[in-house]
């Protein structure tokens, strides 16, 4: 009598031990970034908050003075003027940069998606802020600048772009829009790739024009990406420094003295690191509040895509 027995596969070590846990390996790869995050961000932030309650000038140990730096900041007219100038710059920069970047991104998505075109759009972003400021300082020079020579050749009056209180902030905003608009456009372009083409096909069948589809389809479905772009650009705009330091150094008559430049001047020009730290903490608080309000108003956590 012949009996048959079922052959069962041998159990492997992984089957006996269960699924492999890669948590330790993941933490090992994340560890260098965590160390850098702690050393270069968390510790300086905590140190700055501590120094904001002290009188410190590098020559003597920090001396605790309570809320004196914050009281001084509240009564400092230069601080409030710097905050006002910064807000004016942020509004101009964000307004023009977002609109222009959105138009460029939609044109790249609707007309052509060639890689070389994206490279051209991104090229200004590869130029450093310092180099861009120096180039435009020469281009916009009142006497020798190419821009003013063209304006004079047209029979118009020369414009003091960087030496007039009316023109200086719009000019600085223009320089930074030129440099960053390509990067912002590519972020928006990446968001456009997530919108299904079938949605646009349905709009064409219903007889919707390109303008109507842009207003009723593109912008609503692009809301999460636009929210991210706005948060990034607003935070970056509040920290404008390089262009002002190279092109105007806060002039004329404090009309371009943005908050970041004023903090730098107080810290490294007057060696009042305690007061500069207090203003830095105030700027951090402003950025946290602005980011939170933007996040809630734009409903960045949700999407209209089903």
Foldseek 3Di string as FASTA:
>chain_A
DDDDDDDDDDDDPCNVVDHDDCPVVVCVVCVVVVVCCCPVPVVVLVVLVVLLQFFFQPPDPTHGNGCVLVVVLVVDPLLVLQAVLLVVLLVLLLVVLLVVLQVVLVCCVPPHVDPVVLVVLLVLLVDDLQVLLVVVLQQLPQPRHVVQVVCVVVVHHGDNQCADLVRNSNSLSVSVSSRCSSVLSVLLNVQQVPQDPVVVVVCVVVVHDPVRCCVPPSCQQSLLSSLVSSLVSSLVSLQDDNNCVNRPLCDDVNSNNHNNSVLVCCCVVVSRSNSSSSSVVVSVVVSVVVSVVSCVVSVNVDGPPD
